[in-house]
């Protein structure tokens, strides 16, 4: 996406949270301190909700007998409709590759600041190192360092932002992204089948799918009760794939029944969530879900996120299969590139960016 003209954006001074942790371990600058209503309630016990989060066994979808496939398709459809989030086990992404991407991600964040700043994220863009979605000097900041890259199609890439260090960074990202892309395509096929669509229904709509990845590093924070690791938001993508590094503390929380529910990662599983694009295409049958990240007092946390979305050139709107007398059209048709531009040029604020597509009615509350 084209960046916002830099001259229009004054983001003020943005402290690097890893450097803050080194030099002033007890100090939380005011720009990171959240308003009382936004501060997280740090939960130490696993909630009932969390233990109910759906787990999908991908191998049953891809290799199971007819009964296993039908059962798992039903489980997947239920997960998408009732949660918008689920964990996938036996996903066929090589476990050594998961380890490799974790290692090179962590190694990148451990580089000296001056080395990472060679790949600085320009205000108004979402690629490079720094903090994305910051558009004013009084905006509250997240307790997080990010490094983001456009992956597919090729024109999305900014070659100057691909690091030379750590060694094998680029080739590991390439292999990992290829495998995750395959998983996204397959999951969308099964999500389509669960909706009683043709298996290639989404693929036909998407065209040359857009793929991006972001690595998030959350250093320990002396006052995790005052900050947020990542502001509440839904994703503008169709599907998001989250890998949480082994040994990381629980940090992801999803908004379920108006409560923030912590997501306890299953070893070697990937967390999948429905993005705004699927909400629009299914006319709200499957909804994107607000989520956020919290910091931890003692431990750092690393996550690797892949976003999978339609081509920027396609027109999107609710599919006819999801519109009838009882389910009037909730979203207008729009160009997906325009929506993506709208998404990346606004701060993270719940599901507000989806207002771009919503049809406002007199009954809208």
Protein backbone atom coordinates (compact mmCIF):
# COMPACT_ATOMS: atom_id res chain seq x y z
CA UNK A 1 0.00 0.00 0.00
CA UNK A 2 1.15 3.50 -0.73
CA UNK A 3 2.36 5.29 2.41
CA UNK A 4 0.68 8.37 3.77
CA UNK A 5 2.66 11.51 2.83
CA UNK A 6 5.26 11.76 5.57
CA UNK A 7 4.89 15.55 5.84
CA UNK A 8 1.35 15.07 7.19
CA UNK A 9 2.41 12.84 10.07
CA UNK A 10 4.11 13.93 13.27
CA UNK A 11 4.47 10.88 15.48
CA UNK A 12 6.74 12.55 18.03
CA UNK A 13 9.51 10.64 19.81
CA UNK A 14 8.96 6.88 20.00
CA UNK A 15 11.03 5.08 22.62
CA UNK A 16 12.32 1.66 21.66
CA UNK A 17 10.92 -0.64 24.36
CA UNK A 18 13.92 -2.98 24.38
CA UNK A 19 16.23 -0.03 24.99
CA UNK A 20 13.92 1.29 27.71
CA UNK A 21 14.08 -2.07 29.39
CA UNK A 22 17.90 -1.94 29.35
CA UNK A 23 18.44 1.63 30.48
CA UNK A 24 15.41 2.40 32.68
CA UNK A 25 13.96 -0.95 33.70
CA UNK A 26 11.49 0.54 36.21
CA UNK A 27 10.35 3.57 34.21
CA UNK A 28 7.21 3.56 32.07
CA UNK A 29 7.03 6.75 29.95
CA UNK A 30 3.60 8.38 29.88
CA UNK A 31 3.12 7.60 26.19
CA UNK A 32 2.88 3.92 27.11
CA UNK A 33 0.60 4.36 30.14
CA UNK A 34 -2.99 3.56 29.19
CA UNK A 35 -6.14 5.26 30.38
CA UNK A 36 -7.74 3.46 33.32
CA UNK A 37 -10.49 2.02 31.09
CA UNK A 38 -7.95 0.44 28.72
CA UNK A 39 -5.62 -1.15 31.28
CA UNK A 40 -5.54 -4.94 31.30
CA UNK A 41 -6.68 -7.05 34.21
CA UNK A 42 -3.84 -9.53 34.40
CA UNK A 43 -5.27 -13.03 34.77
CA UNK A 44 -3.04 -15.70 36.25
CA UNK A 45 -5.47 -18.62 36.13
CA UNK A 46 -6.76 -20.21 32.95
CA UNK A 47 -10.40 -19.27 32.43
CA UNK A 48 -13.14 -21.71 31.51
CA UNK A 49 -13.52 -19.91 28.19
CA UNK A 50 -9.90 -20.50 27.31
CA UNK A 51 -10.12 -24.23 27.91
CA UNK A 52 -13.11 -24.33 25.53
CA UNK A 53 -11.28 -22.70 22.62
CA UNK A 54 -11.70 -24.97 19.57
CA UNK A 55 -8.81 -27.13 18.38
CA UNK A 56 -8.90 -28.31 14.77
CA UNK A 57 -6.93 -31.38 13.71
CA UNK A 58 -5.85 -30.49 10.18
CA UNK A 59 -4.77 -34.07 9.44
CA UNK A 60 -8.39 -35.22 9.82
CA UNK A 61 -9.42 -32.72 7.16
CA UNK A 62 -6.60 -33.55 4.76
CA UNK A 63 -6.16 -37.29 5.33
CA UNK A 64 -9.12 -38.53 7.36
CA UNK A 65 -11.83 -40.94 6.31
CA UNK A 66 -15.20 -39.56 5.24
CA UNK A 67 -16.63 -39.55 8.77
CA UNK A 68 -13.55 -37.81 10.22
CA UNK A 69 -13.62 -35.19 7.48
CA UNK A 70 -17.31 -34.42 8.03
CA UNK A 71 -16.87 -34.23 11.81
CA UNK A 72 -13.87 -31.92 11.55
CA UNK A 73 -15.60 -29.72 8.93
CA UNK A 74 -18.46 -29.32 11.40
CA UNK A 75 -15.98 -28.49 14.20
CA UNK A 76 -14.26 -25.93 11.95
CA UNK A 77 -17.55 -24.29 10.98
CA UNK A 78 -18.58 -24.10 14.65
CA UNK A 79 -15.19 -22.60 15.59
CA UNK A 80 -15.48 -19.94 12.89
CA UNK A 81 -19.06 -19.02 13.78
CA UNK A 82 -18.88 -19.10 17.58
CA UNK A 83 -15.27 -18.05 18.23
CA UNK A 84 -13.62 -16.61 15.12
CA UNK A 85 -10.43 -18.09 16.62
CA UNK A 86 -9.11 -21.64 16.82
CA UNK A 87 -5.85 -23.54 17.17
CA UNK A 88 -4.69 -25.95 14.47
CA UNK A 89 -2.69 -29.06 15.29
CA UNK A 90 -1.06 -31.46 12.79
CA UNK A 91 -0.98 -28.54 10.34
CA UNK A 92 1.75 -30.04 8.13
CA UNK A 93 4.15 -27.10 8.56
CA UNK A 94 7.47 -28.71 9.47
CA UNK A 95 8.23 -28.32 13.19
CA UNK A 96 11.91 -27.68 12.44
CA UNK A 97 10.79 -24.77 10.28
CA UNK A 98 8.77 -23.37 13.18
CA UNK A 99 11.91 -23.53 15.31
CA UNK A 100 14.00 -21.88 12.59
CA UNK A 101 11.65 -18.93 12.11
CA UNK A 102 11.50 -18.42 15.89
CA UNK A 103 15.28 -18.43 16.11
CA UNK A 104 15.95 -15.96 13.30
CA UNK A 105 13.13 -13.70 14.57
CA UNK A 106 14.58 -13.63 18.08
CA UNK A 107 18.11 -13.18 16.71
CA UNK A 108 16.93 -10.18 14.71
CA UNK A 109 15.39 -8.47 17.75
CA UNK A 110 18.58 -9.14 19.73
CA UNK A 111 20.70 -7.19 17.21
CA UNK A 112 22.06 -3.79 18.31
CA UNK A 113 19.52 -0.97 17.88
CA UNK A 114 21.62 0.78 15.22
CA UNK A 115 21.57 -2.40 13.11
CA UNK A 116 17.78 -2.76 13.37
CA UNK A 117 17.29 0.93 12.59
CA UNK A 118 18.74 0.34 9.13
CA UNK A 119 15.30 -1.10 8.41
CA UNK A 120 13.30 1.65 10.08
CA UNK A 121 9.54 1.76 9.50
CA UNK A 122 8.62 5.08 7.89
CA UNK A 123 5.59 6.82 9.49
CA UNK A 124 2.47 5.97 7.54
CA UNK A 125 3.81 2.61 6.33
CA UNK A 126 3.64 -0.88 7.80
CA UNK A 127 6.90 -2.45 6.62
CA UNK A 128 10.19 -2.39 8.48
CA UNK A 129 11.23 -2.13 12.12
CA UNK A 130 9.47 0.00 14.72
CA UNK A 131 5.86 0.65 15.67
CA UNK A 132 3.08 0.58 13.08
CA UNK A 133 -0.28 2.39 13.21
CA UNK A 134 1.12 5.50 14.92
CA UNK A 135 -0.23 8.74 13.43
CA UNK A 136 0.08 11.47 16.07
CA UNK A 137 2.51 12.56 18.78
CA UNK A 138 -0.05 12.17 21.58
CA UNK A 139 -1.12 8.64 20.59
CA UNK A 140 -0.54 5.94 23.18
CA UNK A 141 2.16 3.45 22.21
CA UNK A 142 2.25 -0.33 22.48
CA UNK A 143 4.85 -2.15 24.61
CA UNK A 144 6.17 -3.94 21.55
CA UNK A 145 8.80 -3.83 18.83
CA UNK A 146 7.64 -4.94 15.39
CA UNK A 147 9.34 -6.01 12.22
CA UNK A 148 7.05 -6.41 9.20
CA UNK A 149 7.53 -7.44 5.57
CA UNK A 150 5.35 -7.70 2.49
CA UNK A 151 5.76 -11.20 1.01
CA UNK A 152 3.37 -11.76 -1.92
CA UNK A 153 2.85 -10.69 -4.63
CA UNK A 154 6.37 -9.67 -5.46
CA UNK A 155 5.61 -5.95 -5.94
CA UNK A 156 4.67 -5.80 -2.23
CA UNK A 157 8.28 -6.36 -1.27
CA UNK A 158 10.72 -3.66 -0.21
CA UNK A 159 14.08 -5.40 -0.80
CA UNK A 160 15.96 -2.73 1.17
CA UNK A 161 14.02 -3.78 4.30
CA UNK A 162 15.08 -7.44 4.16
CA UNK A 163 17.91 -7.77 6.72
CA UNK A 164 21.37 -9.08 5.91
CA UNK A 165 21.63 -10.26 9.51
CA UNK A 166 20.97 -12.70 11.05
CA UNK A 167 22.38 -15.14 8.54
CA UNK A 168 19.79 -17.08 6.50
CA UNK A 169 17.03 -14.63 7.51
CA UNK A 170 15.67 -14.18 3.99
CA UNK A 171 15.74 -17.83 2.98
CA UNK A 172 14.06 -18.92 6.22
CA UNK A 173 11.31 -16.33 5.74
CA UNK A 174 10.83 -17.49 2.13
CA UNK A 175 10.42 -21.17 3.03
CA UNK A 176 8.22 -20.44 6.06
CA UNK A 177 5.97 -18.08 4.10
CA UNK A 178 5.54 -20.62 1.32
CA UNK A 179 4.42 -23.31 3.78
CA UNK A 180 2.06 -21.00 5.66
CA UNK A 181 0.56 -19.81 2.36
CA UNK A 182 -0.21 -23.44 1.50
CA UNK A 183 -1.91 -23.87 4.89
CA UNK A 184 -4.01 -20.71 4.38
CA UNK A 185 -5.20 -21.90 0.96
CA UNK A 186 -6.19 -25.27 2.39
CA UNK A 187 -7.93 -23.78 5.42
CA UNK A 188 -9.95 -21.46 3.18
CA UNK A 189 -10.95 -24.47 1.08
CA UNK A 190 -12.23 -26.29 4.19
CA UNK A 191 -13.89 -23.14 5.56
CA UNK A 192 -15.67 -22.83 2.21
CA UNK A 193 -16.80 -26.47 2.32
CA UNK A 194 -18.08 -25.95 5.86
CA UNK A 195 -20.20 -23.10 4.49
CA UNK A 196 -21.56 -25.43 1.78
CA UNK A 197 -19.66 -23.52 -0.91
CA UNK A 198 -17.45 -24.99 -3.60
CA UNK A 199 -13.98 -25.74 -2.24
CA UNK A 200 -12.37 -23.14 -4.53
CA UNK A 201 -14.98 -20.43 -3.90
CA UNK A 202 -12.68 -18.13 -1.91
CA UNK A 203 -9.67 -18.78 -4.12
CA UNK A 204 -11.66 -17.66 -7.18
CA UNK A 205 -12.65 -14.43 -5.46
CA UNK A 206 -9.19 -13.68 -4.05
CA UNK A 207 -7.15 -13.75 -7.25
CA UNK A 208 -3.41 -13.42 -6.55
CA UNK A 209 -3.63 -13.40 -2.75
CA UNK A 210 -1.67 -10.84 -0.74
CA UNK A 211 0.54 -12.14 2.05
CA UNK A 212 2.50 -10.24 4.68
CA UNK A 213 4.22 -11.21 7.90
CA UNK A 214 5.05 -9.42 11.12
CA UNK A 215 7.30 -10.42 13.97
CA UNK A 216 6.32 -8.99 17.37
CA UNK A 217 8.70 -8.80 20.31
CA UNK A 218 7.36 -7.91 23.75
CA UNK A 219 10.11 -7.30 26.34
CA UNK A 220 9.30 -7.79 30.02
CA UNK A 221 7.62 -4.74 31.56
CA UNK A 222 7.92 -3.66 35.19
CA UNK A 223 4.28 -2.48 35.19
CA UNK A 224 2.32 -4.73 32.82
CA UNK A 225 -0.87 -3.50 34.49
CA UNK A 226 -0.36 -0.03 32.96
CA UNK A 227 0.45 -0.90 29.35
CA UNK A 228 -0.76 -2.94 26.40
CA UNK A 229 1.54 -5.04 24.25
CA UNK A 230 -0.75 -4.51 21.27
CA UNK A 231 -3.89 -2.37 21.09
CA UNK A 232 -7.29 -4.05 20.61
CA UNK A 233 -8.14 -4.60 16.94
CA UNK A 234 -9.56 -6.99 14.42
CA UNK A 235 -7.45 -7.98 11.41
CA UNK A 236 -8.14 -6.62 7.94
CA UNK A 237 -7.01 -9.91 6.39
CA UNK A 238 -9.10 -12.94 5.44
CA UNK A 239 -7.09 -15.30 7.65
CA UNK A 240 -4.34 -14.62 10.17
CA UNK A 241 -1.89 -17.31 11.29
CA UNK A 242 -0.13 -16.75 14.61
CA UNK A 243 2.87 -18.67 15.84
CA UNK A 244 3.72 -18.08 19.49
CA UNK A 245 7.34 -18.85 20.35
CA UNK A 246 8.01 -21.78 22.66
CA UNK A 247 8.40 -20.76 26.28
CA UNK A 248 6.61 -17.45 25.77
CA UNK A 249 4.15 -16.40 28.48
CA UNK A 250 0.45 -16.13 27.64
CA UNK A 251 0.00 -12.76 25.96
CA UNK A 252 -2.78 -13.00 23.39
CA UNK A 253 -6.29 -12.19 24.60
CA UNK A 254 -9.51 -12.31 22.58
CA UNK A 255 -12.79 -10.54 23.27
CA UNK A 256 -15.34 -13.28 23.94
CA UNK A 257 -18.80 -12.46 25.34
CA UNK A 258 -17.53 -8.96 26.28
CA UNK A 259 -14.66 -10.42 28.35
CA UNK A 260 -10.95 -10.57 27.55
CA UNK A 261 -10.01 -14.25 27.43
CA UNK A 262 -6.32 -15.33 27.51
CA UNK A 263 -5.25 -17.83 24.84
CA UNK A 264 -3.05 -20.59 26.21
CA UNK A 265 -0.97 -21.82 23.25
CA UNK A 266 -0.80 -25.55 22.55
CA UNK A 267 2.78 -26.70 21.81
CA UNK A 268 3.46 -26.82 18.04
CA UNK A 269 -0.04 -25.56 17.22
CA UNK A 270 -0.81 -22.45 15.17
CA UNK A 271 -3.53 -19.99 16.19
CA UNK A 272 -5.86 -18.99 13.33
CA UNK A 273 -8.34 -16.15 13.30
CA UNK A 274 -10.99 -14.87 10.92
CA UNK A 275 -10.32 -11.38 9.52
CA UNK A 276 -12.63 -8.58 8.38
CA UNK A 277 -12.60 -9.86 4.79
CA UNK A 278 -14.29 -13.16 5.71
CA UNK A 279 -16.83 -11.25 7.80
CA UNK A 280 -17.76 -9.17 4.76
CA UNK A 281 -17.84 -12.13 2.33
CA UNK A 282 -20.10 -14.17 4.65
CA UNK A 283 -22.30 -11.12 5.38
CA UNK A 284 -21.46 -11.37 9.08
CA UNK A 285 -22.12 -15.11 9.51
CA UNK A 286 -18.45 -15.47 10.47
CA UNK A 287 -17.16 -12.43 12.35
CA UNK A 288 -13.68 -11.08 12.87
CA UNK A 289 -12.85 -10.87 16.55
CA UNK A 290 -11.16 -8.14 18.55
CA UNK A 291 -7.93 -9.23 20.15
CA UNK A 292 -4.99 -7.64 21.95
CA UNK A 293 -1.70 -8.56 23.59
CA UNK A 294 -0.61 -7.92 27.17
CA UNK A 295 2.91 -7.62 28.55
CA UNK A 296 4.52 -9.80 31.21
CA UNK A 297 6.53 -8.67 34.23
CA UNK A 298 9.18 -11.41 34.14
CA UNK A 299 9.39 -12.87 30.64
CA UNK A 300 9.67 -11.66 27.09
CA UNK A 301 7.31 -12.90 24.36
CA UNK A 302 7.78 -13.43 20.65
CA UNK A 303 5.11 -14.04 18.03
CA UNK A 304 5.23 -14.44 14.26
CA UNK A 305 2.08 -13.43 12.39
CA UNK A 306 1.09 -14.09 8.77
CA UNK A 307 -1.72 -12.15 7.12
CA UNK A 308 -3.46 -13.67 4.09
CA UNK A 309 -5.89 -11.55 2.06
CA UNK A 310 -7.36 -11.07 -1.43
CA UNK A 311 -5.58 -9.25 -4.23
CA UNK A 312 -5.72 -5.46 -3.89
CA UNK A 313 -7.39 -5.31 -7.32
CA UNK A 314 -10.55 -7.28 -6.52
CA UNK A 315 -13.99 -5.95 -5.67
CA UNK A 316 -15.45 -7.45 -2.50
CA UNK A 317 -18.87 -7.61 -0.94
CA UNK A 318 -21.16 -10.18 0.67
CA UNK A 319 -21.60 -13.36 -1.39
CA UNK A 320 -25.14 -13.95 -2.66
CA UNK A 321 -25.31 -17.24 -0.72
CA UNK A 322 -25.45 -15.26 2.54
CA UNK A 323 -28.12 -12.71 1.60
CA UNK A 324 -31.85 -13.37 1.91
CA UNK A 325 -34.99 -11.88 3.49
CA UNK A 326 -33.79 -12.71 6.99
CA UNK A 327 -30.19 -11.67 6.29
CA UNK A 328 -30.15 -8.34 4.44
CA UNK A 329 -26.86 -7.12 2.98
CA UNK A 330 -24.75 -5.59 5.79
CA UNK A 331 -21.73 -4.42 3.77
CA UNK A 332 -21.28 -2.45 0.58
CA UNK A 333 -19.08 -3.55 -2.31
CA UNK A 334 -15.64 -1.99 -2.32
CA UNK A 335 -12.15 -2.34 -3.75
CA UNK A 336 -10.00 -4.43 -1.41
CA UNK A 337 -6.94 -2.26 -2.06
CA UNK A 338 -8.88 0.79 -0.89
CA UNK A 339 -9.92 -1.04 2.28
CA UNK A 340 -6.33 -2.13 2.94
CA UNK A 341 -5.16 1.45 2.52
CA UNK A 342 -7.86 2.61 4.93
CA UNK A 343 -6.81 -0.09 7.43
CA UNK A 344 -3.09 0.73 7.48
CA UNK A 345 -3.65 4.49 7.65
CA UNK A 346 -5.73 4.37 10.83
CA UNK A 347 -4.72 3.53 14.37
CA UNK A 348 -5.78 0.21 15.85
CA UNK A 349 -9.14 0.82 17.47
CA UNK A 350 -11.26 -2.28 17.93
CA UNK A 351 -13.37 -3.01 14.85
CA UNK A 352 -13.70 0.63 13.85
CA UNK A 353 -11.95 0.20 10.50
CA UNK A 354 -14.75 -2.11 9.35
CA UNK A 355 -17.07 0.94 9.39
CA UNK A 356 -15.48 1.56 5.97
CA UNK A 357 -17.61 -1.27 4.56
CA UNK A 358 -20.67 -1.33 6.82
CA UNK A 359 -24.02 -0.24 5.40
CA UNK A 360 -25.43 2.16 7.98
CA UNK A 361 -29.16 1.67 8.65
CA UNK A 362 -31.63 3.58 10.79
CA UNK A 363 -31.61 0.68 13.23
CA UNK A 364 -27.81 0.68 13.58
CA UNK A 365 -26.97 1.22 17.23
